[in-house]
Each structure stands twice: as structure tokens, then as C-alpha cells.
Protein backbone atom coordinates (compact mmCIF):
# COMPACT_ATOMS: atom_id res chain seq x y z
CA UNK A 1 167.71 66.35 -80.87
CA UNK A 2 166.39 63.33 -79.07
CA UNK A 3 165.49 64.02 -75.45
CA UNK A 4 164.28 61.90 -72.50
CA UNK A 5 161.20 63.09 -70.67
CA UNK A 6 160.10 62.18 -67.07
CA UNK A 7 156.41 62.81 -66.30
CA UNK A 8 155.03 62.89 -62.77
CA UNK A 9 151.54 61.36 -62.91
CA UNK A 10 149.57 61.29 -59.79
CA UNK A 11 146.38 59.49 -59.00
CA UNK A 12 143.56 61.47 -57.31
CA UNK A 13 139.79 61.24 -56.77
CA UNK A 14 138.10 61.87 -60.03
CA UNK A 15 137.13 65.55 -60.59
CA UNK A 16 133.49 64.45 -61.34
CA UNK A 17 133.05 62.79 -57.89
CA UNK A 18 131.23 64.70 -55.25
CA UNK A 19 133.64 64.65 -52.25
CA UNK A 20 132.14 63.36 -48.95
CA UNK A 21 133.87 63.76 -45.45
CA UNK A 22 134.03 60.75 -43.26
CA UNK A 23 131.55 60.57 -40.35
CA UNK A 24 134.59 60.97 -37.88
CA UNK A 25 135.82 64.05 -39.78
CA UNK A 26 139.31 62.21 -40.24
CA UNK A 27 139.51 62.64 -43.90
CA UNK A 28 137.52 62.16 -47.20
CA UNK A 29 135.80 59.02 -48.26
CA UNK A 30 137.86 57.13 -50.88
CA UNK A 31 136.35 53.57 -50.52
CA UNK A 32 134.40 52.83 -53.57
CA UNK A 33 135.23 56.18 -55.20
CA UNK A 34 136.52 56.55 -58.75
CA UNK A 35 140.16 57.33 -58.91
CA UNK A 36 141.67 59.10 -62.01
CA UNK A 37 144.87 60.71 -63.16
CA UNK A 38 145.22 64.33 -61.95
CA UNK A 39 143.99 66.34 -64.96
CA UNK A 40 147.15 68.56 -64.85
CA UNK A 41 149.31 65.50 -64.98
CA UNK A 42 147.33 64.08 -68.00
CA UNK A 43 148.09 67.35 -69.89
CA UNK A 44 151.81 66.90 -68.84
CA UNK A 45 151.78 63.42 -70.24
CA UNK A 46 150.12 64.48 -73.46
CA UNK A 47 152.57 67.19 -74.02
CA UNK A 48 155.51 64.75 -73.46
CA UNK A 49 153.94 62.35 -75.95
CA UNK A 50 153.54 65.20 -78.53
CA UNK A 51 157.17 66.05 -78.29
CA UNK A 52 158.16 62.37 -78.80
CA UNK A 53 155.69 62.12 -81.74
CA UNK A 54 157.27 65.17 -83.22
CA UNK A 55 160.73 63.54 -82.94
CA UNK A 56 162.03 65.90 -80.51
CA UNK A 57 161.98 63.24 -77.68
CA UNK A 58 162.85 59.55 -77.86
CA UNK A 59 161.50 58.27 -74.52
CA UNK A 60 158.66 59.26 -72.15
CA UNK A 61 158.85 57.71 -68.66
CA UNK A 62 155.85 58.14 -66.51
CA UNK A 63 156.12 57.75 -62.64
CA UNK A 64 153.88 57.91 -59.63
CA UNK A 65 154.22 57.64 -55.85
CA UNK A 66 151.20 55.75 -54.61
CA UNK A 67 149.90 52.54 -52.93
CA UNK A 68 150.43 49.15 -54.48
CA UNK A 69 146.90 49.17 -56.16
CA UNK A 70 148.11 52.06 -58.39
CA UNK A 71 149.48 49.86 -61.13
CA UNK A 72 146.25 50.25 -63.12
CA UNK A 73 146.72 53.89 -62.92
CA UNK A 74 150.35 53.64 -64.45
CA UNK A 75 148.99 51.20 -67.06
CA UNK A 76 146.70 54.10 -68.02
CA UNK A 77 149.76 56.31 -68.68
CA UNK A 78 151.42 53.49 -70.73
CA UNK A 79 148.18 53.21 -72.78
CA UNK A 80 148.28 56.81 -73.48
CA UNK A 81 151.68 56.15 -74.91
CA UNK A 82 154.32 56.30 -72.44
CA UNK A 83 157.32 54.07 -73.10
CA UNK A 84 157.74 52.74 -69.56
CA UNK A 85 156.56 53.42 -66.04
CA UNK A 86 158.07 53.63 -62.52
CA UNK A 87 155.92 53.09 -59.42
CA UNK A 88 157.21 54.22 -56.16
CA UNK A 89 155.13 52.23 -53.58
CA UNK A 90 153.98 53.66 -50.27
CA UNK A 91 150.85 53.80 -48.29
CA UNK A 92 151.85 57.06 -46.63
CA UNK A 93 150.23 60.32 -47.59
CA UNK A 94 152.96 62.18 -49.48
CA UNK A 95 153.41 65.98 -49.06
CA UNK A 96 155.06 68.03 -51.72
CA UNK A 97 158.62 68.29 -50.41
CA UNK A 98 158.77 64.47 -49.87
CA UNK A 99 157.30 64.06 -53.44
CA UNK A 100 160.02 66.33 -54.82
CA UNK A 101 162.75 64.62 -53.00
CA UNK A 102 161.32 61.20 -54.41
CA UNK A 103 161.21 62.56 -57.91
CA UNK A 104 164.84 63.80 -57.62
CA UNK A 105 165.84 60.14 -56.97
CA UNK A 106 164.03 59.21 -60.08
CA UNK A 107 165.81 62.00 -61.97
CA UNK A 108 169.23 60.80 -60.82
CA UNK A 109 168.26 57.28 -62.16
CA UNK A 110 166.40 58.09 -65.37
CA UNK A 111 168.59 61.19 -66.25
CA UNK A 112 165.86 63.03 -68.12
CA UNK A 113 166.28 66.30 -70.10
CA UNK A 114 162.85 67.58 -69.05
CA UNK A 115 160.67 66.71 -66.14
CA UNK A 116 156.96 67.65 -66.80
CA UNK A 117 154.25 67.70 -64.16
CA UNK A 118 150.95 69.39 -63.57
CA UNK A 119 151.05 72.85 -61.89
CA UNK A 120 149.08 71.29 -59.03
CA UNK A 121 147.17 68.27 -57.94
CA UNK A 122 143.37 68.66 -57.48
CA UNK A 123 143.30 66.78 -54.19
CA UNK A 124 145.50 69.23 -52.29
CA UNK A 125 146.00 72.02 -54.86
CA UNK A 126 149.32 72.68 -53.16
CA UNK A 127 151.19 73.85 -56.46
CA UNK A 128 154.57 73.28 -54.92
CA UNK A 129 156.07 69.98 -56.06
CA UNK A 130 157.51 71.23 -59.34
CA UNK A 131 159.09 74.32 -57.83
CA UNK A 132 160.54 72.24 -55.14
CA UNK A 133 161.95 69.79 -57.44
CA UNK A 134 163.72 72.44 -59.54
CA UNK A 135 165.16 73.90 -56.49
CA UNK A 136 166.77 70.81 -54.98
CA UNK A 137 167.81 69.57 -58.55
CA UNK A 138 169.52 72.98 -59.20
CA UNK A 139 167.77 73.22 -62.55
CA UNK A 140 165.75 76.06 -64.12
CA UNK A 141 161.94 75.98 -64.02
CA UNK A 142 159.00 77.35 -65.90
CA UNK A 143 155.45 76.94 -64.21
CA UNK A 144 151.96 77.32 -65.61
CA UNK A 145 152.87 76.61 -69.13
CA UNK A 146 150.26 77.09 -71.83
CA UNK A 147 152.62 76.64 -74.74
CA UNK A 148 155.95 74.77 -75.02
CA UNK A 149 158.64 74.78 -77.72
CA UNK A 150 161.87 72.95 -77.53
CA UNK A 151 164.94 73.68 -79.77
CA UNK A 152 168.63 74.05 -79.58
CA UNK A 153 168.84 72.71 -75.95
CA UNK A 154 166.31 75.25 -74.70
CA UNK A 155 162.70 75.38 -73.80
CA UNK A 156 160.61 78.31 -74.68
CA UNK A 157 157.59 78.34 -72.43
CA UNK A 158 154.56 80.77 -72.62
CA UNK A 159 153.30 81.08 -69.01
CA UNK A 160 149.78 82.07 -67.79
CA UNK A 161 150.26 84.79 -65.13
CA UNK A 162 147.93 87.14 -63.55
CA UNK A 163 148.73 90.00 -65.85
CA UNK A 164 148.42 87.88 -69.00
CA UNK A 165 151.12 85.82 -70.69
CA UNK A 166 154.82 85.67 -69.97
CA UNK A 167 157.45 83.99 -72.34
CA UNK A 168 160.50 82.37 -70.69
CA UNK A 169 163.48 80.67 -72.23
CA UNK A 170 165.25 78.07 -69.98
CA UNK A 171 168.20 75.87 -70.57
CA UNK A 172 167.68 72.06 -70.39
CA UNK A 173 167.45 70.13 -68.25
CA UNK A 174 164.62 71.90 -66.78
CA UNK A 175 161.32 71.35 -64.76
CA UNK A 176 158.10 72.47 -66.56
CA UNK A 177 154.63 72.50 -64.95
CA UNK A 178 151.60 72.52 -67.21
CA UNK A 179 148.45 74.68 -67.18
CA UNK A 180 144.99 73.60 -68.51
CA UNK A 181 145.29 75.32 -71.81
CA UNK A 182 148.50 73.63 -72.92
CA UNK A 183 146.77 70.84 -74.76
CA UNK A 184 143.73 68.37 -74.66
CA UNK A 185 144.83 64.85 -73.72
CA UNK A 186 144.22 62.14 -76.28
CA UNK A 187 141.56 59.51 -76.10
CA UNK A 188 142.94 55.93 -75.18
CA UNK A 189 141.98 53.34 -77.75
CA UNK A 190 141.45 49.55 -76.85
CA UNK A 191 144.36 48.43 -78.76
CA UNK A 192 146.74 50.88 -76.78
CA UNK A 193 145.28 49.38 -73.55
CA UNK A 194 146.35 45.93 -74.84
CA UNK A 195 149.74 47.17 -75.70
CA UNK A 196 150.32 48.81 -72.32
CA UNK A 197 150.09 45.33 -70.70
CA UNK A 198 153.50 44.34 -72.17
CA UNK A 199 155.40 47.66 -71.47
CA UNK A 200 157.95 47.80 -68.76
CA UNK A 201 156.64 48.85 -65.26
CA UNK A 202 159.20 49.15 -62.57
CA UNK A 203 158.30 48.91 -58.92
CA UNK A 204 160.39 50.53 -56.22
CA UNK A 205 159.70 50.76 -52.43
CA UNK A 206 159.78 54.42 -51.15
CA UNK A 207 161.61 53.18 -48.04
CA UNK A 208 164.56 51.73 -50.23
CA UNK A 209 165.17 55.20 -52.09
CA UNK A 210 166.64 56.73 -48.84
CA UNK A 211 164.32 59.67 -49.17
CA UNK A 212 164.14 61.82 -45.96
CA UNK A 213 160.44 62.38 -45.02
CA UNK A 214 159.70 66.13 -45.04
CA UNK A 215 156.10 66.18 -43.50
CA UNK A 216 155.80 69.75 -42.16
CA UNK A 217 152.20 69.83 -41.28
CA UNK A 218 149.48 67.47 -39.97
CA UNK A 219 145.75 67.74 -40.75
CA UNK A 220 143.81 67.26 -37.66
CA UNK A 221 140.20 67.77 -38.82
CA UNK A 222 138.16 67.85 -42.12
CA UNK A 223 134.86 69.54 -42.45
CA UNK A 224 132.53 69.76 -45.40
CA UNK A 225 131.74 73.30 -46.78
CA UNK A 226 128.76 75.02 -45.17
CA UNK A 227 125.54 74.62 -47.09
CA UNK A 228 124.58 77.66 -49.08
CA UNK A 229 121.49 79.39 -47.85
CA UNK A 230 118.48 79.95 -50.34
CA UNK A 231 118.71 83.02 -52.47
CA UNK A 232 116.54 86.01 -51.90
CA UNK A 233 114.94 88.01 -54.56
CA UNK A 234 115.01 91.81 -54.11
CA UNK A 235 112.95 94.42 -55.99
CA UNK A 236 115.48 97.05 -56.50
CA UNK A 237 118.95 98.37 -55.73
CA UNK A 238 117.66 99.89 -52.54
CA UNK A 239 116.25 96.48 -51.44
CA UNK A 240 119.63 94.89 -52.18
CA UNK A 241 121.44 97.38 -50.00
CA UNK A 242 118.94 96.69 -47.27
CA UNK A 243 119.36 93.01 -47.37
CA UNK A 244 123.17 93.39 -47.36
CA UNK A 245 123.01 95.64 -44.27
CA UNK A 246 120.72 93.23 -42.57
CA UNK A 247 123.27 90.38 -43.09
CA UNK A 248 126.07 92.65 -41.75
CA UNK A 249 127.80 92.82 -45.13
CA UNK A 250 127.70 96.49 -45.47
């Protein structure tokens, strides 16, 4: 069995960066801020590469929907080992349903057997794009994957759920979203970075794909979290109860 895998690979503010709200509260500061692959999408790409390394897949295609300056981000995915990349260029902020509709256009072009993406992006934490893509594609889905096995045209996925673990078997083609414990992404070596420069990178304009925008909400205001007050030491349980009552928490 030799499959084709499409990986959605979003660029976000690096998880180590301390987010700052703009002075006018219109958004978060991104100028001069380190941007990195969404950690869950890195796990998705790593899993796709492992399937290819095992001979289960023949091609891994990595794709992003982002401004024109995101090519370095895609080259990172190519350096990890993806065979080729697709860059859907737009300066607009993309909400999950528009992202899913855009990915569906890529699915129609690439014809993958599996689409793998992170369960959520750490910038909006929406956890919606994978589920929406599966719905509009009309294919099975398995989310929050912590283990994945492919055999006989089926994917067996161990999912992390509130009650523990759940195992699902879905027919391919299918959409799979990844959880943190699925794998640990590989370290990119300098020779791989050099090789990535010659790998195919296709550029498409979002406006040319005929995707219907599906923006359903508008963010009107951003605010930084309230600063935490200094902790208070209490001598005993009675003191703790009294302190909580004083704050109106009991």
C-alpha cells in the first residue's frame, strides 16, 4: 500500500513568546515576534513522514494558508522531509470554516488518502478545522490521535478522550487530527535545510480558488489577562476559610 498524505501546516506565534496586546487593543503584537509552526501541526507532519519512512505512504504534501512571507515556514516543512509544499496566499485572517473549504480545494487537487492536521492551533485554540473538513469532504474523521496505524485501507486510531483512551477504525480516505502524545517531531539538520531549497513549492492565491468566505464572527476588542494578585499565607484551615469568605468565594 502506498498512500498520499496532505498535511495542514499553520504558522503561529511561537509558544515560547509572551504575547503582548497592542496599545489600541485591536490585536496582539506580531511585528518582530518569532513565528513558528503550530506544535500540533508539527506532530501531524512528523506522523506523515513516519508513515512514508515505513513504506506505507509514498508522498507527503505540506500546505499552509498564510501571507506571502510564509514561504520560509513551508521550507521548514520541506526540510523536515515533506516531498512538496503548497502555499495558499492571503493576508486575511482565516477562520476555521474558510480554512476547511480551502483545504477541500487542495484535497480535490492533491487527491490524498489521508489528511492530517493538528487538533487545534495555539493562536485561536478553535479545534474546528479538521472536523469541518471531514464534514464538507464527506469522509470519516478521527480526532485527538495519540496512536495511528494504517493497514488494509483503514486507519486504526487511538484517541485521547476525557474518560481515557478510545480506539476507532475508519475507512480511508479520512481526516485525522493529532494530539501531543502521538510523537516527538524530528530535529532538522543543515543538509535537510539545503535540500529543501530545491523541493517544489506551489503558490496559489486564495482569491483564485473560488472559496466562499465563511467569517461568522468579528473580534472587536483584545485585552491582556488581569494580573494575578500576590499570594497570602494562612496559618491553618480556619484562616483559609476566613480568607476565602473575605473575598466572597465562600
